[in-house]
Protein backbone atom coordinates (compact mmCIF):
# COMPACT_ATOMS: atom_id res chain seq x y z
CA MET A 1 11.83 -9.25 7.90
CA THR A 2 15.10 -11.27 8.32
CA SER A 3 17.88 -11.09 6.39
CA ASP A 4 19.34 -13.79 4.21
CA THR A 5 22.87 -12.14 3.99
CA ALA A 6 24.29 -15.60 5.29
CA HIS A 7 23.52 -17.65 2.87
CA PRO A 8 25.84 -18.30 0.15
CA THR A 9 23.22 -19.00 -2.76
CA ARG A 10 19.86 -17.76 -3.04
CA SER A 11 16.80 -19.50 -4.98
CA PRO A 12 15.39 -17.40 -7.63
CA ARG A 13 11.83 -19.36 -6.82
CA LEU A 14 12.12 -18.77 -3.22
CA GLY A 15 12.12 -15.12 -4.31
CA LEU A 16 9.10 -15.20 -6.55
CA LEU A 17 7.26 -16.97 -3.36
CA GLN A 18 8.42 -14.07 -1.03
CA ILE A 19 7.18 -11.58 -3.54
CA CYS A 20 4.04 -13.53 -4.03
CA ALA A 21 3.39 -13.53 -0.27
CA ALA A 22 3.58 -9.92 0.07
CA GLY A 23 1.31 -9.45 -2.92
CA PHE A 24 -1.17 -11.62 -0.73
CA LEU A 25 -0.57 -9.28 2.30
CA TRP A 26 -1.54 -6.39 0.11
CA GLY A 27 -4.91 -7.78 -1.05
CA THR A 28 -6.08 -7.84 2.57
CA GLY A 29 -4.79 -4.42 2.92
CA GLY A 30 -7.72 -2.80 0.31
CA LEU A 31 -10.73 -4.48 2.48
CA VAL A 32 -9.16 -2.82 5.72
CA VAL A 33 -8.78 0.29 4.37
CA THR A 34 -12.56 0.20 2.79
CA ILE A 35 -13.49 -0.70 6.73
CA LEU A 36 -11.89 2.08 7.94
CA HIS A 37 -13.23 4.68 5.24
CA GLU A 38 -16.71 3.47 5.90
CA ASP A 39 -16.72 3.17 9.76
CA ASP A 40 -14.53 5.67 11.07
CA GLY A 41 -14.65 8.03 7.80
CA LEU A 42 -10.86 7.90 8.01
CA GLY A 43 -9.21 9.49 4.28
CA ALA A 44 -7.23 7.66 1.79
CA MET A 45 -4.11 9.70 2.73
CA THR A 46 -4.35 10.09 6.77
CA THR A 47 -5.16 5.89 6.60
CA SER A 48 -1.53 5.80 4.35
CA ALA A 49 0.04 7.99 6.96
CA TRP A 50 -1.10 5.88 9.76
CA ARG A 51 0.18 2.50 7.86
CA MET A 52 3.72 4.40 7.30
CA LEU A 53 4.08 5.38 10.68
CA VAL A 54 3.33 2.23 12.23
CA ALA A 55 5.21 0.23 10.13
CA ALA A 56 8.50 2.51 11.27
CA VAL A 57 7.65 2.32 14.46
CA VAL A 58 7.65 -1.45 14.43
CA LEU A 59 10.86 -1.91 12.01
CA VAL A 60 12.70 0.37 14.29
CA ALA A 61 12.06 -1.26 17.04
CA VAL A 62 13.00 -4.82 15.33
CA THR A 63 16.03 -3.18 14.05
CA ALA A 64 17.05 -1.98 17.53
CA LEU A 65 16.44 -5.42 19.33
CA ALA A 66 18.39 -7.19 16.73
CA ARG A 67 21.31 -4.71 17.47
CA ARG A 68 21.45 -3.49 13.94
CA LEU A 69 20.76 0.07 13.77
CA GLY A 70 24.19 0.27 12.40
CA SER A 71 22.94 -1.10 8.93
CA LEU A 72 20.37 1.98 8.94
CA VAL A 73 22.95 4.26 8.96
CA ALA A 74 25.18 2.16 6.23
CA THR A 75 22.10 1.68 3.89
CA PHE A 76 21.76 5.46 3.92
CA ARG A 77 25.29 6.54 3.05
CA ALA A 78 25.50 3.62 0.77
CA GLN A 79 22.88 5.32 -1.92
CA PRO A 80 21.10 8.06 0.10
CA VAL A 81 19.30 9.57 -3.44
CA VAL A 82 17.92 5.98 -4.08
CA VAL A 83 17.21 4.87 -1.00
CA VAL A 84 15.26 8.41 -0.31
CA ALA A 85 13.86 7.83 -3.72
CA VAL A 86 12.34 4.17 -3.32
CA GLY A 87 10.66 5.77 -0.04
CA CYS A 88 9.34 8.34 -1.77
CA CYS A 89 7.88 6.17 -4.40
CA THR A 90 6.24 3.54 -1.81
CA ALA A 91 4.72 6.44 0.12
CA VAL A 92 3.30 8.12 -3.38
CA TYR A 93 2.15 4.46 -4.82
CA GLN A 94 0.16 3.61 -1.85
CA GLY A 95 -1.38 6.92 -1.13
CA LEU A 96 -2.45 7.42 -5.03
CA TYR A 97 -3.87 4.25 -5.27
CA PHE A 98 -6.28 4.42 -2.31
CA LEU A 99 -7.30 8.00 -3.60
CA ALA A 100 -8.12 6.48 -6.94
CA VAL A 101 -9.77 3.65 -5.20
CA LEU A 102 -12.28 5.96 -3.82
CA ALA A 103 -12.64 8.13 -6.86
CA VAL A 104 -13.20 5.41 -9.63
CA GLY A 105 -13.97 2.10 -7.73
CA VAL A 106 -11.61 -0.92 -6.88
CA SER A 107 -11.95 -2.36 -10.22
CA VAL A 108 -10.76 0.26 -12.43
CA ALA A 109 -8.19 1.33 -9.87
CA THR A 110 -6.64 -1.99 -9.81
CA VAL A 111 -6.51 -2.68 -13.61
CA VAL A 112 -4.91 0.11 -14.51
CA SER A 113 -2.37 0.69 -11.46
CA LEU A 114 -1.25 -2.65 -11.32
CA GLY A 115 -1.80 -3.72 -14.71
CA LEU A 116 0.49 -0.55 -16.08
CA ALA A 117 3.29 -1.42 -13.42
CA PRO A 118 4.84 -4.57 -15.21
CA VAL A 119 5.14 -3.23 -18.88
CA LEU A 120 6.75 0.11 -17.46
CA ALA A 121 8.95 -2.18 -15.12
CA ALA A 122 9.59 -4.79 -18.26
CA GLY A 123 9.91 -1.50 -20.56
CA TRP A 124 12.49 0.34 -18.57
CA GLU A 125 14.56 -2.87 -17.93
CA HIS A 126 14.75 -3.45 -21.70
CA ALA A 127 15.51 -0.12 -22.45
CA ARG A 128 18.17 0.05 -19.99
CA ALA A 129 19.73 -3.12 -21.14
CA GLY A 130 19.30 -2.65 -25.01
CA THR A 131 17.21 -5.58 -25.21
CA ARG A 132 13.63 -6.73 -26.60
CA PRO A 133 11.54 -8.91 -24.47
CA GLY A 134 11.28 -12.43 -25.75
CA ARG A 135 8.25 -14.24 -26.78
CA ARG A 136 8.00 -16.24 -23.44
CA GLU A 137 8.21 -12.80 -21.61
CA LEU A 138 5.28 -11.25 -23.61
CA VAL A 139 3.17 -14.53 -23.13
CA VAL A 140 3.58 -14.21 -19.29
CA LEU A 141 3.04 -10.56 -19.46
CA GLY A 142 -0.25 -10.79 -21.66
CA THR A 143 -1.65 -13.51 -19.65
CA ALA A 144 -1.14 -11.55 -16.64
CA LEU A 145 -3.04 -8.64 -17.55
CA THR A 146 -5.61 -10.69 -19.32
CA GLY A 147 -6.24 -12.68 -15.91
CA LEU A 148 -6.23 -9.15 -14.09
CA VAL A 149 -8.72 -7.68 -16.16
CA LEU A 150 -11.21 -10.96 -15.59
CA VAL A 151 -10.80 -10.83 -11.77
CA SER A 152 -11.32 -6.76 -11.46
CA ALA A 153 -14.11 -6.91 -13.99
CA ALA A 154 -15.81 -9.99 -12.06
CA SER A 155 -15.36 -7.70 -9.07
CA ALA A 156 -16.81 -4.39 -10.71
CA GLY A 157 -19.26 -2.99 -8.01
CA HIS A 158 -18.21 -4.48 -5.04
CA GLY A 159 -15.82 -1.85 -4.32
CA GLY A 160 -17.65 1.54 -4.78
CA PRO A 161 -18.33 3.33 -8.04
CA GLY A 162 -16.52 6.30 -7.37
CA ASP A 163 -17.83 9.66 -8.45
CA ALA A 164 -14.82 11.02 -10.14
CA PRO A 165 -13.74 8.57 -13.13
CA VAL A 166 -11.42 10.78 -15.21
CA LEU A 167 -9.20 12.01 -11.78
CA GLY A 168 -9.52 8.31 -10.72
CA LEU A 169 -7.89 7.18 -13.94
CA VAL A 170 -5.13 9.73 -13.45
CA LEU A 171 -4.43 8.89 -9.88
CA ALA A 172 -3.98 5.20 -10.58
CA THR A 173 -1.99 5.94 -13.94
CA ALA A 174 0.37 7.71 -11.20
CA SER A 175 0.28 5.00 -8.99
CA GLY A 176 1.10 2.58 -11.37
CA ALA A 177 4.19 4.35 -12.46
CA ALA A 178 4.95 4.83 -8.58
CA TYR A 179 4.91 1.44 -7.89
CA ALA A 180 6.53 0.40 -11.23
CA ALA A 181 9.55 2.87 -10.30
CA THR A 182 9.42 1.03 -6.44
CA THR A 183 10.61 -2.22 -7.52
CA VAL A 184 13.13 -1.15 -10.36
CA LEU A 185 14.77 1.00 -7.76
CA GLY A 186 14.53 -1.78 -5.08
CA HIS A 187 15.52 -4.32 -7.23
CA HIS A 188 19.06 -2.94 -7.90
CA LEU A 189 19.16 -1.41 -4.21
CA ALA A 190 18.20 -4.73 -2.77
CA ARG A 191 20.96 -6.71 -3.87
CA ASP A 192 23.55 -4.35 -1.87
CA VAL A 193 22.04 -3.82 1.30
CA ASP A 194 19.93 -5.85 3.93
CA PRO A 195 16.32 -6.23 3.39
CA LEU A 196 15.37 -5.08 6.90
CA ALA A 197 17.56 -2.47 6.68
CA LEU A 198 16.40 -1.11 3.27
CA THR A 199 12.55 -1.48 4.75
CA THR A 200 12.91 0.72 7.58
CA CYS A 201 14.94 3.45 6.03
CA ALA A 202 12.20 3.46 3.17
CA THR A 203 9.46 3.27 5.40
CA SER A 204 11.01 6.03 7.44
CA VAL A 205 11.27 8.13 4.53
CA GLY A 206 7.47 7.54 3.54
CA VAL A 207 6.71 9.08 6.93
CA VAL A 208 8.58 12.04 6.24
CA VAL A 209 6.83 12.18 2.92
CA LEU A 210 3.00 11.63 4.36
CA ALA A 211 3.34 13.02 7.76
CA PRO A 212 2.09 16.27 6.43
CA PHE A 213 -1.54 14.82 5.66
CA LEU A 214 -1.99 13.46 9.33
CA LEU A 215 -1.75 17.35 10.59
CA LEU A 216 -4.15 18.57 7.65
CA ALA A 217 -6.51 15.94 8.95
CA ALA A 218 -5.78 17.45 12.60
CA ALA A 219 -6.31 21.02 11.54
CA GLY A 220 -9.27 19.89 9.58
CA SER A 221 -12.61 18.58 10.47
CA GLY A 222 -12.08 15.39 9.75
CA PRO A 223 -11.33 12.21 11.88
CA VAL A 224 -7.67 11.96 12.31
CA VAL A 225 -7.45 8.38 14.13
CA SER A 226 -10.11 5.37 14.74
CA THR A 227 -11.87 5.63 17.97
CA ARG A 228 -12.72 1.98 18.00
CA PRO A 229 -10.90 -0.94 19.55
CA GLU A 230 -11.61 -2.57 16.36
CA GLY A 231 -10.29 0.35 13.98
CA LEU A 232 -6.84 0.83 16.08
CA LEU A 233 -6.24 -3.21 15.52
CA LEU A 234 -6.91 -2.41 11.89
CA LEU A 235 -4.34 0.35 11.78
CA LEU A 236 -1.95 -1.98 13.57
CA TYR A 237 -2.67 -4.66 11.26
CA LEU A 238 -1.80 -2.14 8.09
CA GLY A 239 1.45 -0.86 9.03
CA VAL A 240 2.50 -4.51 10.35
CA PHE A 241 1.53 -6.63 7.87
CA THR A 242 0.32 -4.99 4.95
CA LEU A 243 3.88 -3.06 4.81
CA ALA A 244 6.42 -4.02 7.26
CA LEU A 245 6.30 -7.40 6.73
CA SER A 246 5.22 -7.74 2.94
CA TYR A 247 7.82 -4.97 1.75
CA GLY A 248 10.42 -6.82 3.85
CA LEU A 249 9.30 -10.03 1.43
CA LEU A 250 9.03 -7.79 -1.35
CA TYR A 251 13.16 -6.44 -0.95
CA ALA A 252 13.94 -9.76 -0.08
CA GLY A 253 12.57 -11.43 -3.09
CA LEU A 254 14.06 -8.48 -5.44
CA ARG A 255 17.51 -9.74 -4.20
CA THR A 256 16.89 -13.00 -6.73
CA THR A 257 14.02 -11.47 -8.95
CA SER A 258 14.09 -9.09 -11.73
CA GLY A 259 11.70 -5.86 -11.23
CA SER A 260 9.35 -6.92 -14.19
CA ALA A 261 8.95 -10.41 -13.00
CA ALA A 262 8.24 -8.78 -9.42
CA THR A 263 5.70 -6.69 -10.60
CA VAL A 264 4.06 -9.70 -12.53
CA ALA A 265 4.47 -12.16 -9.29
CA THR A 266 2.45 -9.29 -7.45
CA LEU A 267 -0.85 -9.30 -9.24
CA VAL A 268 -1.88 -12.01 -6.44
CA GLU A 269 -2.68 -8.98 -4.66
CA PRO A 270 -6.21 -9.08 -6.63
CA LEU A 271 -6.54 -12.58 -6.17
CA SER A 272 -6.07 -12.69 -2.24
CA ALA A 273 -8.45 -9.41 -2.25
CA ALA A 274 -10.93 -11.77 -4.40
CA ALA A 275 -10.60 -14.83 -1.97
CA LEU A 276 -11.27 -12.28 1.01
CA ALA A 277 -14.52 -10.94 -0.57
CA VAL A 278 -15.88 -14.64 -0.71
CA VAL A 279 -14.96 -15.54 2.81
CA LEU A 280 -15.67 -12.54 4.48
CA LEU A 281 -18.56 -11.02 2.65
CA ASP A 282 -20.22 -13.74 1.01
CA GLU A 283 -19.49 -12.73 -2.30
CA ARG A 284 -19.69 -15.46 -5.37
CA LEU A 285 -17.04 -16.32 -7.54
CA THR A 286 -17.98 -15.76 -11.20
CA PRO A 287 -16.49 -17.82 -14.20
CA PRO A 288 -14.46 -14.79 -15.21
CA ALA A 289 -13.11 -14.72 -11.93
CA VAL A 290 -12.16 -17.97 -11.75
CA MET A 291 -10.65 -17.97 -15.29
CA GLY A 292 -8.83 -14.57 -14.21
CA GLY A 293 -7.52 -16.16 -10.96
CA VAL A 294 -6.32 -19.10 -13.08
CA LEU A 295 -4.68 -16.96 -15.64
CA ILE A 296 -2.64 -14.90 -13.16
CA LEU A 297 -1.66 -18.12 -11.32
CA ALA A 298 -0.29 -19.55 -14.73
CA ALA A 299 1.20 -16.50 -15.59
CA VAL A 300 3.37 -16.22 -12.08
CA VAL A 301 4.64 -20.14 -12.59
CA GLY A 302 5.79 -19.15 -16.00
CA ILE A 303 7.93 -16.77 -14.78
CA ARG A 304 11.24 -17.69 -15.05
CA PRO A 305 13.69 -15.76 -13.19
CA ARG A 306 17.09 -15.41 -14.29
CA GLU A 307 19.73 -16.87 -11.87
CA MET A 308 21.86 -14.18 -9.97
CA PRO A 309 24.84 -13.85 -8.31
CA PRO A 310 24.79 -13.97 -4.44
CA ALA A 311 24.92 -10.19 -3.19
CA PRO A 312 27.48 -9.10 -1.41
CA THR A 313 27.53 -10.18 2.42
């Protein structure tokens, strides 16, 4: 979550590694959310709200300790509409994705949400620039999506079948669109502002968006927060590692990586989720899952990020 503005040059490869690390952390979040839902009865939006709130508190504290609170004000003043849009898209993406998982299962939700995002991001970037995707980009995208389908299909049945397939597909589609918007908007904004300030501002906006769901949970009969020490630690982990740290890495990486390349790189998320299932849930990797993982990694390696000039210091 540290700024790299002190360095005159930045490596696009380093940016991809940062985004891949963010994807790995996001992959651990699905397991944690599932545990909280099964053991504590926490709903998807309630968990999302706690995740965002914990992350915001931690990020503001880190910013204050670093004596960089002024950068938050400067970030909001620089492009307030875009900052609010990024924060809203972040909150909407994660909330809709968790809802889709509960409605249609992890496999389908992952394929639709994560698979749609790079297609939309690439389409927007080419439409904005008036260009067409090259052969290399099409091969990378096709390879990544094929690998994603194989990994997700191999894990079908381990994330719950869901009981509302049509609603789940709609939610996953909207989630993919919101995630694509987050990376496209974040890409342009991250090159002009400090990653820590951007992460903190976007997360703070997300808290405002998701806070009503905590109030609804408190007013209803469902649980508002976990009563187990283990559950509280999991909520803390969700906020600190799968949001505060991961989005800090994402926005740092977006300073040198295009939004479409970033959405391909974050497809390591299902790989980390599959690896955790093997280690923690004693699941076996099937040949399609292994082949899908190889294809996704090959696509990430095959990304050729454009060299970009340094962001303003």
